[in-house]
Protein backbone atom coordinates (compact mmCIF):
# COMPACT_ATOMS: atom_id res chain seq x y z
CA UNK A 1 -12.84 22.43 -37.33
CA UNK A 2 -11.80 18.86 -38.04
CA UNK A 3 -8.72 19.23 -35.87
CA UNK A 4 -10.82 20.61 -33.02
CA UNK A 5 -13.20 17.65 -33.14
CA UNK A 6 -10.29 15.25 -33.33
CA UNK A 7 -8.71 16.87 -30.28
CA UNK A 8 -11.97 16.73 -28.33
CA UNK A 9 -12.40 13.06 -29.21
CA UNK A 10 -8.84 12.33 -28.16
CA UNK A 11 -9.42 14.04 -24.81
CA UNK A 12 -12.63 12.06 -24.29
CA UNK A 13 -10.83 8.79 -25.01
CA UNK A 14 -8.04 9.81 -22.64
CA UNK A 15 -10.51 10.39 -19.82
CA UNK A 16 -12.36 7.14 -20.55
CA UNK A 17 -9.14 5.16 -20.48
CA UNK A 18 -7.88 6.71 -17.24
CA UNK A 19 -9.56 4.99 -14.35
CA UNK A 20 -9.22 6.81 -11.03
CA UNK A 21 -8.43 4.69 -7.99
CA UNK A 22 -8.10 5.83 -4.39
CA UNK A 23 -5.45 3.91 -2.46
CA UNK A 24 -4.91 4.50 1.25
CA UNK A 25 -2.01 3.32 3.44
CA UNK A 26 -2.76 2.66 7.11
CA UNK A 27 -0.64 1.49 10.04
CA UNK A 28 1.02 2.65 13.23
CA UNK A 29 3.29 5.66 13.35
CA UNK A 30 6.82 5.00 12.11
CA UNK A 31 6.08 1.89 10.03
CA UNK A 32 7.22 3.62 6.83
CA UNK A 33 4.04 4.64 5.00
CA UNK A 34 5.51 7.98 3.93
CA UNK A 35 8.69 6.38 2.60
CA UNK A 36 6.69 3.87 0.56
CA UNK A 37 4.73 6.68 -1.03
CA UNK A 38 8.03 8.33 -1.91
CA UNK A 39 8.88 5.06 -3.66
CA UNK A 40 5.76 5.42 -5.79
CA UNK A 41 6.87 8.95 -6.68
CA UNK A 42 10.28 7.68 -7.73
CA UNK A 43 12.12 9.52 -4.97
CA UNK A 44 15.14 7.99 -3.28
CA UNK A 45 14.98 7.19 0.41
CA UNK A 46 17.29 9.29 2.55
CA UNK A 47 18.94 7.14 5.22
CA UNK A 48 18.69 8.46 8.74
CA UNK A 49 15.47 10.37 8.12
CA UNK A 50 12.26 9.54 9.92
CA UNK A 51 9.38 11.99 9.82
CA UNK A 52 6.01 11.24 11.39
CA UNK A 53 3.05 12.29 9.28
CA UNK A 54 1.07 14.90 11.21
CA UNK A 55 -1.74 15.32 8.66
CA UNK A 56 -3.31 12.97 6.15
CA UNK A 57 -1.79 13.85 2.81
CA UNK A 58 -2.17 12.57 -0.71
CA UNK A 59 -0.26 12.46 -3.96
CA UNK A 60 -1.49 11.70 -7.45
CA UNK A 61 0.44 9.51 -9.83
CA UNK A 62 -0.30 7.96 -13.20
CA UNK A 63 0.41 4.35 -14.05
CA UNK A 64 0.07 2.33 -17.22
CA UNK A 65 -0.58 -1.34 -16.48
CA UNK A 66 -1.24 -3.84 -19.25
CA UNK A 67 -1.81 -0.98 -21.72
CA UNK A 68 -4.43 0.60 -19.47
CA UNK A 69 -3.90 4.00 -17.85
CA UNK A 70 -4.74 4.66 -14.21
CA UNK A 71 -4.83 7.80 -12.10
CA UNK A 72 -3.84 6.77 -8.59
CA UNK A 73 -4.84 8.97 -5.66
CA UNK A 74 -2.42 7.70 -2.99
CA UNK A 75 -3.12 8.65 0.62
CA UNK A 76 -0.70 8.72 3.55
CA UNK A 77 -2.49 8.59 6.92
CA UNK A 78 -1.61 9.55 10.48
CA UNK A 79 -0.51 6.60 12.60
CA UNK A 80 -0.13 8.35 15.95
CA UNK A 81 -2.81 7.20 18.36
CA UNK A 82 -3.97 10.66 19.45
CA UNK A 83 -4.72 11.59 15.83
CA UNK A 84 -6.32 8.35 14.67
CA UNK A 85 -9.83 9.72 14.76
CA UNK A 86 -8.82 12.07 11.93
CA UNK A 87 -7.89 9.14 9.71
CA UNK A 88 -11.50 7.95 9.45
CA UNK A 89 -12.42 11.18 7.66
CA UNK A 90 -10.11 10.30 4.78
CA UNK A 91 -11.11 6.63 4.43
CA UNK A 92 -14.31 7.38 2.52
CA UNK A 93 -14.41 6.11 -1.07
CA UNK A 94 -11.12 4.22 -0.75
CA UNK A 95 -10.96 1.37 -3.24
CA UNK A 96 -7.69 -0.23 -2.15
CA UNK A 97 -6.32 -0.34 1.40
CA UNK A 98 -2.71 -1.26 2.19
CA UNK A 99 -1.86 -2.15 5.79
CA UNK A 100 1.78 -1.45 6.67
CA UNK A 101 3.66 -3.23 9.46
CA UNK A 102 7.23 -2.58 10.62
CA UNK A 103 9.14 -5.89 10.71
CA UNK A 104 11.34 -4.49 13.49
CA UNK A 105 8.36 -3.64 15.74
CA UNK A 106 6.09 -6.18 17.45
CA UNK A 107 3.80 -3.35 18.48
CA UNK A 108 3.15 -2.36 14.88
CA UNK A 109 2.22 -5.98 14.12
CA UNK A 110 -0.17 -6.09 17.07
CA UNK A 111 -1.65 -2.80 15.88
CA UNK A 112 -2.81 -4.39 12.63
CA UNK A 113 -5.96 -5.67 14.34
CA UNK A 114 -7.00 -2.12 15.18
CA UNK A 115 -6.52 -0.94 11.61
CA UNK A 116 -8.24 -3.97 10.11
CA UNK A 117 -11.26 -3.54 12.39
CA UNK A 118 -11.38 0.17 11.57
CA UNK A 119 -11.44 -0.53 7.83
CA UNK A 120 -14.15 -3.15 8.25
CA UNK A 121 -16.24 -0.72 10.28
CA UNK A 122 -15.79 2.25 7.95
CA UNK A 123 -15.62 0.57 4.53
CA UNK A 124 -17.10 -2.90 4.97
CA UNK A 125 -15.76 -6.17 3.60
CA UNK A 126 -16.08 -5.61 -0.14
CA UNK A 127 -12.81 -3.79 -0.67
CA UNK A 128 -9.45 -4.84 -2.05
CA UNK A 129 -6.76 -5.00 0.63
CA UNK A 130 -3.12 -5.97 1.03
CA UNK A 131 -0.50 -6.06 3.77
CA UNK A 132 3.15 -5.04 3.65
CA UNK A 133 5.88 -6.13 6.03
CA UNK A 134 8.14 -3.09 5.72
CA UNK A 135 11.81 -2.34 6.51
CA UNK A 136 12.91 -5.69 5.12
CA UNK A 137 16.46 -4.40 4.70
CA UNK A 138 16.97 -4.33 8.49
CA UNK A 139 17.56 -8.06 8.72
CA UNK A 140 19.54 -7.91 11.97
CA UNK A 141 16.69 -6.05 13.69
CA UNK A 142 13.73 -8.03 12.33
CA UNK A 143 11.60 -9.44 15.15
CA UNK A 144 8.31 -9.99 13.31
CA UNK A 145 8.79 -13.34 11.62
CA UNK A 146 7.85 -13.82 7.98
CA UNK A 147 5.43 -16.60 8.94
CA UNK A 148 3.46 -14.23 11.17
CA UNK A 149 2.82 -11.88 8.25
CA UNK A 150 1.81 -14.77 5.99
CA UNK A 151 -0.49 -16.33 8.58
CA UNK A 152 -2.13 -13.01 9.39
CA UNK A 153 -2.67 -12.24 5.72
CA UNK A 154 -4.22 -15.63 5.02
CA UNK A 155 -6.45 -15.35 8.08
CA UNK A 156 -7.76 -11.95 7.00
CA UNK A 157 -7.88 -12.74 3.29
CA UNK A 158 -5.18 -10.27 2.28
CA UNK A 159 -2.54 -10.27 -0.43
CA UNK A 160 0.87 -9.71 1.11
CA UNK A 161 4.51 -8.88 0.47
CA UNK A 162 7.70 -7.61 2.10
CA UNK A 163 9.15 -4.22 1.20
CA UNK A 164 11.98 -1.83 1.83
CA UNK A 165 12.16 1.84 0.96
CA UNK A 166 15.67 1.10 -0.31
CA UNK A 167 14.12 -1.06 -3.07
CA UNK A 168 11.25 1.06 -4.43
CA UNK A 169 10.32 -1.39 -7.18
CA UNK A 170 9.03 -3.83 -4.56
CA UNK A 171 6.28 -1.45 -3.43
CA UNK A 172 5.44 -0.36 -6.95
CA UNK A 173 5.10 -3.96 -8.10
CA UNK A 174 2.78 -4.81 -5.22
CA UNK A 175 0.70 -1.68 -5.82
CA UNK A 176 0.31 -2.60 -9.47
CA UNK A 177 -0.78 -6.14 -8.59
CA UNK A 178 -3.44 -4.79 -6.22
CA UNK A 179 -4.68 -2.43 -8.92
CA UNK A 180 -4.94 -5.28 -11.42
CA UNK A 181 -6.86 -7.36 -8.88
CA UNK A 182 -9.17 -4.46 -8.15
CA UNK A 183 -9.85 -3.88 -11.84
CA UNK A 184 -10.74 -7.54 -12.31
CA UNK A 185 -12.84 -7.92 -9.19
CA UNK A 186 -14.52 -4.53 -8.88
CA UNK A 187 -14.68 -4.55 -5.08
CA UNK A 188 -15.05 -8.34 -4.91
CA UNK A 189 -13.70 -9.78 -1.71
CA UNK A 190 -11.75 -12.97 -2.35
CA UNK A 191 -11.52 -14.01 1.30
CA UNK A 192 -12.93 -17.47 0.67
CA UNK A 193 -10.72 -18.23 -2.30
CA UNK A 194 -7.37 -19.11 -0.77
CA UNK A 195 -5.96 -20.18 -4.15
CA UNK A 196 -6.15 -16.54 -5.28
CA UNK A 197 -3.85 -15.26 -2.52
CA UNK A 198 -0.64 -13.92 -3.97
CA UNK A 199 2.75 -13.96 -2.30
CA UNK A 200 5.59 -11.72 -3.40
CA UNK A 201 8.28 -12.99 -1.07
CA UNK A 202 11.81 -11.68 -1.25
CA UNK A 203 14.68 -14.09 -1.10
CA UNK A 204 16.01 -14.43 2.42
CA UNK A 205 18.68 -11.91 3.32
CA UNK A 206 19.20 -13.13 6.87
CA UNK A 207 22.92 -13.61 6.32
CA UNK A 208 23.46 -10.13 4.98
CA UNK A 209 24.27 -7.43 7.49
CA UNK A 210 22.99 -3.97 6.69
CA UNK A 211 23.08 -1.03 9.00
CA UNK A 212 20.85 1.23 6.94
CA UNK A 213 17.51 2.17 8.41
CA UNK A 214 14.43 3.07 6.51
CA UNK A 215 11.09 4.27 7.82
């Protein structure tokens, strides 16, 4: 009987110490949302593969950050324009939103305004958000300058970073930082506090030539 009570208490403590957080990735088709989610799952990126998400899908992962356990419900959304109306269905109850831009595509950068306005309309302002400039490994093909990402992030009040599916720790680190910020703020919007903006810049790799492509 004692063991049963001890087990029940342990299960209760486990549930209490496992905060559930819904994280959703949004951005145009082909920016690399699916590959970044594979990073969170610990899967290696396969060069030469590029698959457009045709349905909104989600994966569940567990993270321990600063001795606290989190259950992360990570959503991958459809970026193709003709399916965008479906994305709004899956935005409900999102607690963290990550905008993804392809550094090799000006169009994906221009598309950020659409996604930002959509989030504001569907979820309001009191939500934790961040922006990722993805495909950082394709230095020879980068046409969206680093400064544009930084300026856009500061203008919208977003945390920001650069990522590559070839370096999965970059995405995981940024995701963890957003989770920590969410836990501290509890939906607080830090737009007006510029000193709180975090930058996780990579060292410049402009002189390194890499032919690998990630999506």
